[in-house]
């Protein structure tokens, strides 16, 4: 698992994957926000065959689920690849490299 992490970070594959996930998140956000606007414009044409409900719950729900899933996947991958776990503190005397600091 450590080797996979090293390859993803060193070859910038992880950064590209995070960027793709974030672009999907924002794309779905824009689409979800545009559904009601599109429906208002469609209903304004006056054709009864083209009438749609103002809020399409199935489209909005699917869009919100996609936003959450893509955003969560990007966040988990970002945390795993680029944010190292914090060192454990033992009696408040441990420094960042895992060695106990000299008390003076």
PDB file of N, CA and C in Angstrom:
ATOM      1  N   UNK A   1       0.817  -1.174   0.000  1.00  0.00           N
ATOM      2  CA  UNK A   1       0.000   0.000   0.000  1.00  0.00           C
ATOM      3  C   UNK A   1       0.878   1.261   0.000  1.00  0.00           C
ATOM      4  N   UNK A   2       1.993   1.179   0.719  1.00  0.00           N
ATOM      5  CA  UNK A   2       2.916   2.318   0.767  1.00  0.00           C
ATOM      6  C   UNK A   2       3.531   2.554  -0.610  1.00  0.00           C
ATOM      7  N   UNK A   3       3.828   1.502  -1.323  1.00  0.00           N
ATOM      8  CA  UNK A   3       4.413   1.630  -2.668  1.00  0.00           C
ATOM      9  C   UNK A   3       3.420   2.288  -3.631  1.00  0.00           C
ATOM     10  N   UNK A   4       2.155   1.906  -3.539  1.00  0.00           N
ATOM     11  CA  UNK A   4       1.115   2.528  -4.359  1.00  0.00           C
ATOM     12  C   UNK A   4       1.012   4.016  -4.060  1.00  0.00           C
ATOM     13  N   UNK A   5       1.057   4.358  -2.794  1.00  0.00           N
ATOM     14  CA  UNK A   5       0.988   5.760  -2.379  1.00  0.00           C
ATOM     15  C   UNK A   5       2.172   6.539  -2.943  1.00  0.00           C
ATOM     16  N   UNK A   6       3.370   5.961  -2.876  1.00  0.00           N
ATOM     17  CA  UNK A   6       4.562   6.619  -3.401  1.00  0.00           C
ATOM     18  C   UNK A   6       4.445   6.869  -4.901  1.00  0.00           C
ATOM     19  N   UNK A   7       3.966   5.878  -5.642  1.00  0.00           N
ATOM     20  CA  UNK A   7       3.825   6.029  -7.090  1.00  0.00           C
ATOM     21  C   UNK A   7       2.794   7.105  -7.417  1.00  0.00           C
ATOM     22  N   UNK A   8       1.666   7.103  -6.713  1.00  0.00           N
ATOM     23  CA  UNK A   8       0.623   8.095  -6.976  1.00  0.00           C
ATOM     24  C   UNK A   8       1.105   9.516  -6.689  1.00  0.00           C
ATOM     25  N   UNK A   9       1.922   9.684  -5.667  1.00  0.00           N
ATOM     26  CA  UNK A   9       2.408  11.020  -5.323  1.00  0.00           C
ATOM     27  C   UNK A   9       3.553  11.430  -6.239  1.00  0.00           C
ATOM     28  N   UNK A  10       4.537  10.566  -6.443  1.00  0.00           N
ATOM     29  CA  UNK A  10       5.725  10.924  -7.212  1.00  0.00           C
ATOM     30  C   UNK A  10       5.432  11.146  -8.691  1.00  0.00           C
ATOM     31  N   UNK A  11       4.531  10.393  -9.254  1.00  0.00           N
ATOM     32  CA  UNK A  11       4.203  10.518 -10.680  1.00  0.00           C
ATOM     33  C   UNK A  11       3.054  11.494 -10.926  1.00  0.00           C
ATOM     34  N   UNK A  12       2.546  12.121  -9.882  1.00  0.00           N
ATOM     35  CA  UNK A  12       1.461  13.111  -9.958  1.00  0.00           C
ATOM     36  C   UNK A  12       0.144  12.512 -10.454  1.00  0.00           C
ATOM     37  N   UNK A  13       0.030  11.203 -10.422  1.00  0.00           N
ATOM     38  CA  UNK A  13      -1.207  10.554 -10.826  1.00  0.00           C
ATOM     39  C   UNK A  13      -2.304  10.855  -9.810  1.00  0.00           C
ATOM     40  N   UNK A  14      -1.931  10.896  -8.555  1.00  0.00           N
ATOM     41  CA  UNK A  14      -2.903  11.201  -7.507  1.00  0.00           C
ATOM     42  C   UNK A  14      -3.468  12.603  -7.658  1.00  0.00           C
ATOM     43  N   UNK A  15      -2.622  13.570  -7.982  1.00  0.00           N
ATOM     44  CA  UNK A  15      -3.089  14.946  -8.170  1.00  0.00           C
ATOM     45  C   UNK A  15      -4.032  15.046  -9.367  1.00  0.00           C
ATOM     46  N   UNK A  16      -3.720  14.334 -10.424  1.00  0.00           N
ATOM     47  CA  UNK A  16      -4.587  14.337 -11.600  1.00  0.00           C
ATOM     48  C   UNK A  16      -5.928  13.693 -11.269  1.00  0.00           C
ATOM     49  N   UNK A  17      -5.902  12.595 -10.534  1.00  0.00           N
ATOM     50  CA  UNK A  17      -7.134  11.917 -10.146  1.00  0.00           C
ATOM     51  C   UNK A  17      -7.994  12.795  -9.235  1.00  0.00           C
ATOM     52  N   UNK A  18      -7.362  13.489  -8.305  1.00  0.00           N
ATOM     53  CA  UNK A  18      -8.100  14.408  -7.429  1.00  0.00           C
ATOM     54  C   UNK A  18      -8.710  15.538  -8.251  1.00  0.00           C
ATOM     55  N   UNK A  19      -7.960  16.068  -9.207  1.00  0.00           N
ATOM     56  CA  UNK A  19      -8.486  17.143 -10.063  1.00  0.00           C
ATOM     57  C   UNK A  19      -9.679  16.658 -10.881  1.00  0.00           C
ATOM     58  N   UNK A  20      -9.607  15.438 -11.396  1.00  0.00           N
ATOM     59  CA  UNK A  20     -10.735  14.896 -12.155  1.00  0.00           C
ATOM     60  C   UNK A  20     -11.968  14.719 -11.271  1.00  0.00           C
ATOM     61  N   UNK A  21     -11.778  14.220 -10.060  1.00  0.00           N
ATOM     62  CA  UNK A  21     -12.902  14.049  -9.149  1.00  0.00           C
ATOM     63  C   UNK A  21     -13.511  15.402  -8.771  1.00  0.00           C
ATOM     64  N   UNK A  22     -12.676  16.398  -8.531  1.00  0.00           N
ATOM     65  CA  UNK A  22     -13.198  17.723  -8.203  1.00  0.00           C
ATOM     66  C   UNK A  22     -13.906  18.368  -9.396  1.00  0.00           C
ATOM     67  N   UNK A  23     -13.409  18.130 -10.601  1.00  0.00           N
ATOM     68  CA  UNK A  23     -14.088  18.682 -11.771  1.00  0.00           C
ATOM     69  C   UNK A  23     -15.458  18.027 -11.956  1.00  0.00           C
ATOM     70  N   UNK A  24     -15.559  16.736 -11.685  1.00  0.00           N
ATOM     71  CA  UNK A  24     -16.854  16.063 -11.731  1.00  0.00           C
ATOM     72  C   UNK A  24     -17.788  16.610 -10.656  1.00  0.00           C
ATOM     73  N   UNK A  25     -17.241  16.897  -9.486  1.00  0.00           N
ATOM     74  CA  UNK A  25     -18.047  17.457  -8.403  1.00  0.00           C
ATOM     75  C   UNK A  25     -18.633  18.799  -8.820  1.00  0.00           C
ATOM     76  N   UNK A  26     -17.804  19.687  -9.342  1.00  0.00           N
ATOM     77  CA  UNK A  26     -18.290  21.009  -9.742  1.00  0.00           C
ATOM     78  C   UNK A  26     -19.211  20.932 -10.956  1.00  0.00           C
ATOM     79  N   UNK A  27     -18.935  20.033 -11.867  1.00  0.00           N
ATOM     80  CA  UNK A  27     -19.802  19.847 -13.020  1.00  0.00           C
ATOM     81  C   UNK A  27     -21.192  19.398 -12.584  1.00  0.00           C
ATOM     82  N   UNK A  28     -21.246  18.435 -11.665  1.00  0.00           N
ATOM     83  CA  UNK A  28     -22.542  17.983 -11.157  1.00  0.00           C
ATOM     84  C   UNK A  28     -23.245  19.069 -10.355  1.00  0.00           C
ATOM     85  N   UNK A  29     -22.492  19.888  -9.649  1.00  0.00           N
ATOM     86  CA  UNK A  29     -23.086  20.993  -8.897  1.00  0.00           C
ATOM     87  C   UNK A  29     -23.759  21.985  -9.841  1.00  0.00           C
ATOM     88  N   UNK A  30     -23.067  22.352 -10.903  1.00  0.00           N
ATOM     89  CA  UNK A  30     -23.636  23.282 -11.882  1.00  0.00           C
ATOM     90  C   UNK A  30     -24.867  22.673 -12.544  1.00  0.00           C
ATOM     91  N   UNK A  31     -24.794  21.409 -12.909  1.00  0.00           N
ATOM     92  CA  UNK A  31     -25.938  20.752 -13.536  1.00  0.00           C
ATOM     93  C   UNK A  31     -27.136  20.714 -12.591  1.00  0.00           C
ATOM     94  N   UNK A  32     -26.886  20.356 -11.321  1.00  0.00           N
ATOM     95  CA  UNK A  32     -27.975  20.260 -10.350  1.00  0.00           C
ATOM     96  C   UNK A  32     -28.615  21.623 -10.116  1.00  0.00           C
ATOM     97  N   UNK A  33     -27.819  22.658 -10.069  1.00  0.00           N
ATOM     98  CA  UNK A  33     -28.368  23.992  -9.881  1.00  0.00           C
ATOM     99  C   UNK A  33     -29.086  24.507 -11.123  1.00  0.00           C
ATOM    100  N   UNK A  34     -28.738  23.995 -12.284  1.00  0.00           N
ATOM    101  CA  UNK A  34     -29.357  24.470 -13.524  1.00  0.00           C
ATOM    102  C   UNK A  34     -30.673  23.774 -13.842  1.00  0.00           C
ATOM    103  N   UNK A  35     -30.974  22.661 -13.179  1.00  0.00           N
ATOM    104  CA  UNK A  35     -32.217  21.925 -13.468  1.00  0.00           C
ATOM    105  C   UNK A  35     -33.448  22.799 -13.252  1.00  0.00           C
ATOM    106  N   UNK A  36     -33.606  23.464 -12.106  1.00  0.00           N
ATOM    107  CA  UNK A  36     -34.794  24.309 -11.948  1.00  0.00           C
ATOM    108  C   UNK A  36     -34.849  25.463 -12.949  1.00  0.00           C
ATOM    109  N   UNK A  37     -33.706  26.045 -13.272  1.00  0.00           N
ATOM    110  CA  UNK A  37     -33.677  27.147 -14.239  1.00  0.00           C
ATOM    111  C   UNK A  37     -34.101  26.658 -15.613  1.00  0.00           C
ATOM    112  N   UNK A  38     -33.593  25.502 -15.990  1.00  0.00           N
ATOM    113  CA  UNK A  38     -33.961  24.928 -17.286  1.00  0.00           C
ATOM    114  C   UNK A  38     -35.449  24.627 -17.345  1.00  0.00           C
ATOM    115  N   UNK A  39     -35.999  24.116 -16.257  1.00  0.00           N
ATOM    116  CA  UNK A  39     -37.420  23.792 -16.241  1.00  0.00           C
ATOM    117  C   UNK A  39     -38.291  25.048 -16.303  1.00  0.00           C
ATOM    118  N   UNK A  40     -37.851  26.124 -15.654  1.00  0.00           N
ATOM    119  CA  UNK A  40     -38.593  27.381 -15.743  1.00  0.00           C
ATOM    120  C   UNK A  40     -38.596  27.890 -17.173  1.00  0.00           C
ATOM    121  N   UNK A  41     -37.447  27.834 -17.826  1.00  0.00           N
ATOM    122  CA  UNK A  41     -37.363  28.295 -19.211  1.00  0.00           C
ATOM    123  C   UNK A  41     -38.181  27.411 -20.142  1.00  0.00           C
ATOM    124  N   UNK A  42     -38.196  26.114 -19.885  1.00  0.00           N
ATOM    125  CA  UNK A  42     -38.989  25.191 -20.704  1.00  0.00           C
ATOM    126  C   UNK A  42     -40.473  25.465 -20.517  1.00  0.00           C
ATOM    127  N   UNK A  43     -40.901  25.698 -19.281  1.00  0.00           N
ATOM    128  CA  UNK A  43     -42.308  25.970 -19.007  1.00  0.00           C
ATOM    129  C   UNK A  43     -42.733  27.329 -19.560  1.00  0.00           C
ATOM    130  N   UNK A  44     -41.793  28.246 -19.725  1.00  0.00           N
ATOM    131  CA  UNK A  44     -42.126  29.580 -20.222  1.00  0.00           C
ATOM    132  C   UNK A  44     -42.437  29.580 -21.711  1.00  0.00           C
ATOM    133  N   UNK A  45     -42.084  28.517 -22.419  1.00  0.00           N
ATOM    134  CA  UNK A  45     -42.368  28.476 -23.853  1.00  0.00           C
ATOM    135  C   UNK A  45     -43.850  28.363 -24.123  1.00  0.00           C
ATOM    136  N   UNK A  46     -44.613  27.860 -23.161  1.00  0.00           N
ATOM    137  CA  UNK A  46     -46.064  27.812 -23.303  1.00  0.00           C
ATOM    138  C   UNK A  46     -46.598  26.543 -23.927  1.00  0.00           C
ATOM    139  N   UNK A  47     -45.759  25.662 -24.399  1.00  0.00           N
ATOM    140  CA  UNK A  47     -46.230  24.422 -25.012  1.00  0.00           C
ATOM    141  C   UNK A  47     -46.603  23.428 -23.913  1.00  0.00           C
ATOM    142  N   UNK A  48     -47.852  22.919 -23.902  1.00  0.00           N
ATOM    143  CA  UNK A  48     -48.236  21.966 -22.851  1.00  0.00           C
ATOM    144  C   UNK A  48     -47.496  20.631 -22.960  1.00  0.00           C
ATOM    145  N   UNK A  49     -46.978  20.324 -24.128  1.00  0.00           N
ATOM    146  CA  UNK A  49     -46.241  19.066 -24.293  1.00  0.00           C
ATOM    147  C   UNK A  49     -44.858  19.144 -23.661  1.00  0.00           C
ATOM    148  N   UNK A  50     -44.346  20.355 -23.522  1.00  0.00           N
ATOM    149  CA  UNK A  50     -43.002  20.537 -22.995  1.00  0.00           C
ATOM    150  C   UNK A  50     -42.989  20.826 -21.490  1.00  0.00           C
ATOM    151  N   UNK A  51     -44.159  20.926 -20.851  1.00  0.00           N
ATOM    152  CA  UNK A  51     -44.243  21.278 -19.442  1.00  0.00           C
ATOM    153  C   UNK A  51     -43.544  20.232 -18.571  1.00  0.00           C
ATOM    154  N   UNK A  52     -42.730  20.707 -17.636  1.00  0.00           N
ATOM    155  CA  UNK A  52     -42.042  19.840 -16.687  1.00  0.00           C
ATOM    156  C   UNK A  52     -42.247  20.422 -15.299  1.00  0.00           C
ATOM    157  N   UNK A  53     -42.193  19.593 -14.265  1.00  0.00           N
ATOM    158  CA  UNK A  53     -42.300  20.161 -12.917  1.00  0.00           C
ATOM    159  C   UNK A  53     -41.128  21.090 -12.646  1.00  0.00           C
ATOM    160  N   UNK A  54     -41.393  22.124 -11.851  1.00  0.00           N
ATOM    161  CA  UNK A  54     -40.363  23.116 -11.581  1.00  0.00           C
ATOM    162  C   UNK A  54     -39.132  22.491 -10.941  1.00  0.00           C
ATOM    163  N   UNK A  55     -39.343  21.670  -9.937  1.00  0.00           N
ATOM    164  CA  UNK A  55     -38.245  20.953  -9.310  1.00  0.00           C
ATOM    165  C   UNK A  55     -38.398  19.476  -9.631  1.00  0.00           C
ATOM    166  N   UNK A  56     -37.444  18.930 -10.324  1.00  0.00           N
ATOM    167  CA  UNK A  56     -37.453  17.511 -10.646  1.00  0.00           C
ATOM    168  C   UNK A  56     -36.691  16.779  -9.554  1.00  0.00           C
ATOM    169  N   UNK A  57     -37.397  16.203  -8.563  1.00  0.00           N
ATOM    170  CA  UNK A  57     -36.711  15.620  -7.405  1.00  0.00           C
ATOM    171  C   UNK A  57     -35.737  14.501  -7.760  1.00  0.00           C
ATOM    172  N   UNK A  58     -36.073  13.705  -8.765  1.00  0.00           N
ATOM    173  CA  UNK A  58     -35.168  12.609  -9.110  1.00  0.00           C
ATOM    174  C   UNK A  58     -33.848  13.118  -9.669  1.00  0.00           C
ATOM    175  N   UNK A  59     -33.892  14.158 -10.500  1.00  0.00           N
ATOM    176  CA  UNK A  59     -32.654  14.721 -11.053  1.00  0.00           C
ATOM    177  C   UNK A  59     -31.842  15.432  -9.983  1.00  0.00           C
ATOM    178  N   UNK A  60     -32.520  16.162  -9.117  1.00  0.00           N
ATOM    179  CA  UNK A  60     -31.809  16.893  -8.066  1.00  0.00           C
ATOM    180  C   UNK A  60     -31.197  15.926  -7.062  1.00  0.00           C
ATOM    181  N   UNK A  61     -31.950  14.884  -6.694  1.00  0.00           N
ATOM    182  CA  UNK A  61     -31.430  13.893  -5.745  1.00  0.00           C
ATOM    183  C   UNK A  61     -30.215  13.169  -6.329  1.00  0.00           C
ATOM    184  N   UNK A  62     -30.323  12.759  -7.576  1.00  0.00           N
ATOM    185  CA  UNK A  62     -29.201  12.074  -8.219  1.00  0.00           C
ATOM    186  C   UNK A  62     -27.987  13.000  -8.307  1.00  0.00           C
ATOM    187  N   UNK A  63     -28.215  14.257  -8.607  1.00  0.00           N
ATOM    188  CA  UNK A  63     -27.116  15.216  -8.673  1.00  0.00           C
ATOM    189  C   UNK A  63     -26.454  15.425  -7.323  1.00  0.00           C
ATOM    190  N   UNK A  64     -27.257  15.530  -6.270  1.00  0.00           N
ATOM    191  CA  UNK A  64     -26.696  15.711  -4.931  1.00  0.00           C
ATOM    192  C   UNK A  64     -25.910  14.488  -4.473  1.00  0.00           C
ATOM    193  N   UNK A  65     -26.408  13.308  -4.799  1.00  0.00           N
ATOM    194  CA  UNK A  65     -25.690  12.082  -4.445  1.00  0.00           C
ATOM    195  C   UNK A  65     -24.341  12.047  -5.170  1.00  0.00           C
ATOM    196  N   UNK A  66     -24.336  12.406  -6.443  1.00  0.00           N
ATOM    197  CA  UNK A  66     -23.084  12.430  -7.199  1.00  0.00           C
ATOM    198  C   UNK A  66     -22.108  13.450  -6.627  1.00  0.00           C
ATOM    199  N   UNK A  67     -22.614  14.618  -6.246  1.00  0.00           N
ATOM    200  CA  UNK A  67     -21.755  15.654  -5.667  1.00  0.00           C
ATOM    201  C   UNK A  67     -21.095  15.135  -4.392  1.00  0.00           C
ATOM    202  N   UNK A  68     -21.897  14.518  -3.539  1.00  0.00           N
ATOM    203  CA  UNK A  68     -21.365  14.015  -2.270  1.00  0.00           C
ATOM    204  C   UNK A  68     -20.350  12.898  -2.503  1.00  0.00           C
ATOM    205  N   UNK A  69     -20.663  11.972  -3.390  1.00  0.00           N
ATOM    206  CA  UNK A  69     -19.752  10.844  -3.624  1.00  0.00           C
ATOM    207  C   UNK A  69     -18.433  11.293  -4.246  1.00  0.00           C
ATOM    208  N   UNK A  70     -18.498  12.124  -5.274  1.00  0.00           N
ATOM    209  CA  UNK A  70     -17.262  12.602  -5.903  1.00  0.00           C
ATOM    210  C   UNK A  70     -16.451  13.455  -4.934  1.00  0.00           C
ATOM    211  N   UNK A  71     -17.122  14.326  -4.198  1.00  0.00           N
ATOM    212  CA  UNK A  71     -16.418  15.165  -3.229  1.00  0.00           C
ATOM    213  C   UNK A  71     -15.773  14.350  -2.124  1.00  0.00           C
ATOM    214  N   UNK A  72     -16.488  13.343  -1.631  1.00  0.00           N
ATOM    215  CA  UNK A  72     -15.938  12.498  -0.573  1.00  0.00           C
ATOM    216  C   UNK A  72     -14.736  11.695  -1.083  1.00  0.00           C
ATOM    217  N   UNK A  73     -14.843  11.163  -2.290  1.00  0.00           N
ATOM    218  CA  UNK A  73     -13.729  10.398  -2.854  1.00  0.00           C
ATOM    219  C   UNK A  73     -12.502  11.293  -3.032  1.00  0.00           C
ATOM    220  N   UNK A  74     -12.705  12.512  -3.510  1.00  0.00           N
ATOM    221  CA  UNK A  74     -11.580  13.441  -3.669  1.00  0.00           C
ATOM    222  C   UNK A  74     -10.974  13.794  -2.318  1.00  0.00           C
ATOM    223  N   UNK A  75     -11.810  14.011  -1.318  1.00  0.00           N
ATOM    224  CA  UNK A  75     -11.315  14.352   0.014  1.00  0.00           C
ATOM    225  C   UNK A  75     -10.530  13.227   0.653  1.00  0.00           C
ATOM    226  N   UNK A  76     -11.038  12.009   0.535  1.00  0.00           N
ATOM    227  CA  UNK A  76     -10.345  10.853   1.118  1.00  0.00           C
ATOM    228  C   UNK A  76      -8.998  10.641   0.421  1.00  0.00           C
ATOM    229  N   UNK A  77      -9.000  10.721  -0.895  1.00  0.00           N
ATOM    230  CA  UNK A  77      -7.751  10.541  -1.637  1.00  0.00           C
ATOM    231  C   UNK A  77      -6.749  11.646  -1.310  1.00  0.00           C
ATOM    232  N   UNK A  78      -7.224  12.882  -1.188  1.00  0.00           N
ATOM    233  CA  UNK A  78      -6.347  14.000  -0.835  1.00  0.00           C
ATOM    234  C   UNK A  78      -5.738  13.799   0.542  1.00  0.00           C
ATOM    235  N   UNK A  79      -6.540  13.417   1.498  1.00  0.00           N
ATOM    236  CA  UNK A  79      -6.038  13.197   2.862  1.00  0.00           C
ATOM    237  C   UNK A  79      -5.050  12.037   2.902  1.00  0.00           C
ATOM    238  N   UNK A  80      -5.352  10.958   2.216  1.00  0.00           N
ATOM    239  CA  UNK A  80      -4.481   9.784   2.235  1.00  0.00           C
ATOM    240  C   UNK A  80      -3.134  10.068   1.571  1.00  0.00           C
ATOM    241  N   UNK A  81      -3.154  10.786   0.459  1.00  0.00           N
ATOM    242  CA  UNK A  81      -1.915  10.991  -0.293  1.00  0.00           C
ATOM    243  C   UNK A  81      -1.054  12.135   0.230  1.00  0.00           C
ATOM    244  N   UNK A  82      -1.673  13.236   0.641  1.00  0.00           N
ATOM    245  CA  UNK A  82      -0.895  14.442   0.874  1.00  0.00           C
ATOM    246  C   UNK A  82      -0.860  14.939   2.306  1.00  0.00           C
ATOM    247  N   UNK A  83      -1.646  14.381   3.183  1.00  0.00           N
ATOM    248  CA  UNK A  83      -1.621  14.812   4.570  1.00  0.00           C
ATOM    249  C   UNK A  83      -1.217  13.634   5.438  1.00  0.00           C
ATOM    250  N   UNK A  84       0.004  13.715   5.967  1.00  0.00           N
ATOM    251  CA  UNK A  84       0.536  12.636   6.794  1.00  0.00           C
ATOM    252  C   UNK A  84      -0.205  12.611   8.130  1.00  0.00           C
ATOM    253  N   UNK A  85      -0.352  11.436   8.707  1.00  0.00           N
ATOM    254  CA  UNK A  85      -0.988  11.376  10.021  1.00  0.00           C
ATOM    255  C   UNK A  85      -0.130  12.093  11.056  1.00  0.00           C
ATOM    256  N   UNK A  86      -0.786  12.696  12.017  1.00  0.00           N
ATOM    257  CA  UNK A  86      -0.083  13.432  13.061  1.00  0.00           C
ATOM    258  C   UNK A  86       0.616  12.463  14.008  1.00  0.00           C
ATOM    259  N   UNK A  87       1.830  12.797  14.465  1.00  0.00           N
ATOM    260  CA  UNK A  87       2.518  11.915  15.408  1.00  0.00           C
ATOM    261  C   UNK A  87       1.776  11.897  16.738  1.00  0.00           C
ATOM    262  N   UNK A  88       1.844  10.764  17.425  1.00  0.00           N
ATOM    263  CA  UNK A  88       1.179  10.626  18.713  1.00  0.00           C
ATOM    264  C   UNK A  88       1.966  11.370  19.775  1.00  0.00           C
ATOM    265  N   UNK A  89       1.258  12.063  20.619  1.00  0.00           N
ATOM    266  CA  UNK A  89       1.891  12.791  21.715  1.00  0.00           C
ATOM    267  C   UNK A  89       1.874  11.916  22.963  1.00  0.00           C
ATOM    268  N   UNK A  90       3.032  11.745  23.561  1.00  0.00           N
ATOM    269  CA  UNK A  90       3.138  10.999  24.811  1.00  0.00           C
ATOM    270  C   UNK A  90       3.587  11.983  25.876  1.00  0.00           C
ATOM    271  N   UNK A  91       2.737  12.289  26.783  1.00  0.00           N
ATOM    272  CA  UNK A  91       3.009  13.247  27.862  1.00  0.00           C
ATOM    273  C   UNK A  91       3.398  14.624  27.321  1.00  0.00           C
ATOM    274  N   UNK A  92       3.050  14.929  26.081  1.00  0.00           N
ATOM    275  CA  UNK A  92       3.332  16.238  25.511  1.00  0.00           C
ATOM    276  C   UNK A  92       4.792  16.498  25.233  1.00  0.00           C
ATOM    277  N   UNK A  93       5.646  15.457  25.208  1.00  0.00           N
ATOM    278  CA  UNK A  93       7.080  15.677  25.021  1.00  0.00           C
ATOM    279  C   UNK A  93       7.605  15.111  23.713  1.00  0.00           C
ATOM    280  N   UNK A  94       6.747  14.606  22.855  1.00  0.00           N
ATOM    281  CA  UNK A  94       7.224  14.010  21.612  1.00  0.00           C
ATOM    282  C   UNK A  94       7.232  15.059  20.517  1.00  0.00           C
ATOM    283  N   UNK A  95       8.309  15.113  19.730  1.00  0.00           N
ATOM    284  CA  UNK A  95       8.362  16.085  18.655  1.00  0.00           C
ATOM    285  C   UNK A  95       7.887  15.454  17.345  1.00  0.00           C
ATOM    286  N   UNK A  96       7.970  16.189  16.236  1.00  0.00           N
ATOM    287  CA  UNK A  96       7.385  15.777  14.971  1.00  0.00           C
ATOM    288  C   UNK A  96       7.988  14.558  14.320  1.00  0.00           C
ATOM    289  N   UNK A  97       9.230  14.203  14.647  1.00  0.00           N
ATOM    290  CA  UNK A  97       9.842  13.063  13.977  1.00  0.00           C
ATOM    291  C   UNK A  97       9.674  11.757  14.746  1.00  0.00           C
ATOM    292  N   UNK A  98       8.861  11.761  15.762  1.00  0.00           N
ATOM    293  CA  UNK A  98       8.603  10.541  16.510  1.00  0.00           C
ATOM    294  C   UNK A  98       9.578  10.289  17.631  1.00  0.00           C
ATOM    295  N   UNK A  99      10.568  11.168  17.802  1.00  0.00           N
ATOM    296  CA  UNK A  99      11.548  11.024  18.860  1.00  0.00           C
ATOM    297  C   UNK A  99      11.128  11.917  20.032  1.00  0.00           C
ATOM    298  N   UNK A 100      11.428  11.448  21.222  1.00  0.00           N
ATOM    299  CA  UNK A 100      11.099  12.288  22.372  1.00  0.00           C
ATOM    300  C   UNK A 100      12.076  13.453  22.437  1.00  0.00           C
ATOM    301  N   UNK A 101      11.535  14.626  22.711  1.00  0.00           N
ATOM    302  CA  UNK A 101      12.367  15.817  22.795  1.00  0.00           C
ATOM    303  C   UNK A 101      13.076  15.844  24.149  1.00  0.00           C
ATOM    304  N   UNK A 102      14.261  16.449  24.154  1.00  0.00           N
ATOM    305  CA  UNK A 102      15.003  16.571  25.408  1.00  0.00           C
ATOM    306  C   UNK A 102      14.321  17.635  26.277  1.00  0.00           C
ATOM    307  N   UNK A 103      14.000  17.254  27.478  1.00  0.00           N
ATOM    308  CA  UNK A 103      13.377  18.203  28.408  1.00  0.00           C
ATOM    309  C   UNK A 103      14.467  19.030  29.057  1.00  0.00           C
ATOM    310  N   UNK A 104      14.309  20.337  29.040  1.00  0.00           N
ATOM    311  CA  UNK A 104      15.324  21.217  29.642  1.00  0.00           C
ATOM    312  C   UNK A 104      14.709  22.071  30.691  1.00  0.00           C
TER     313      UNK A 104
END
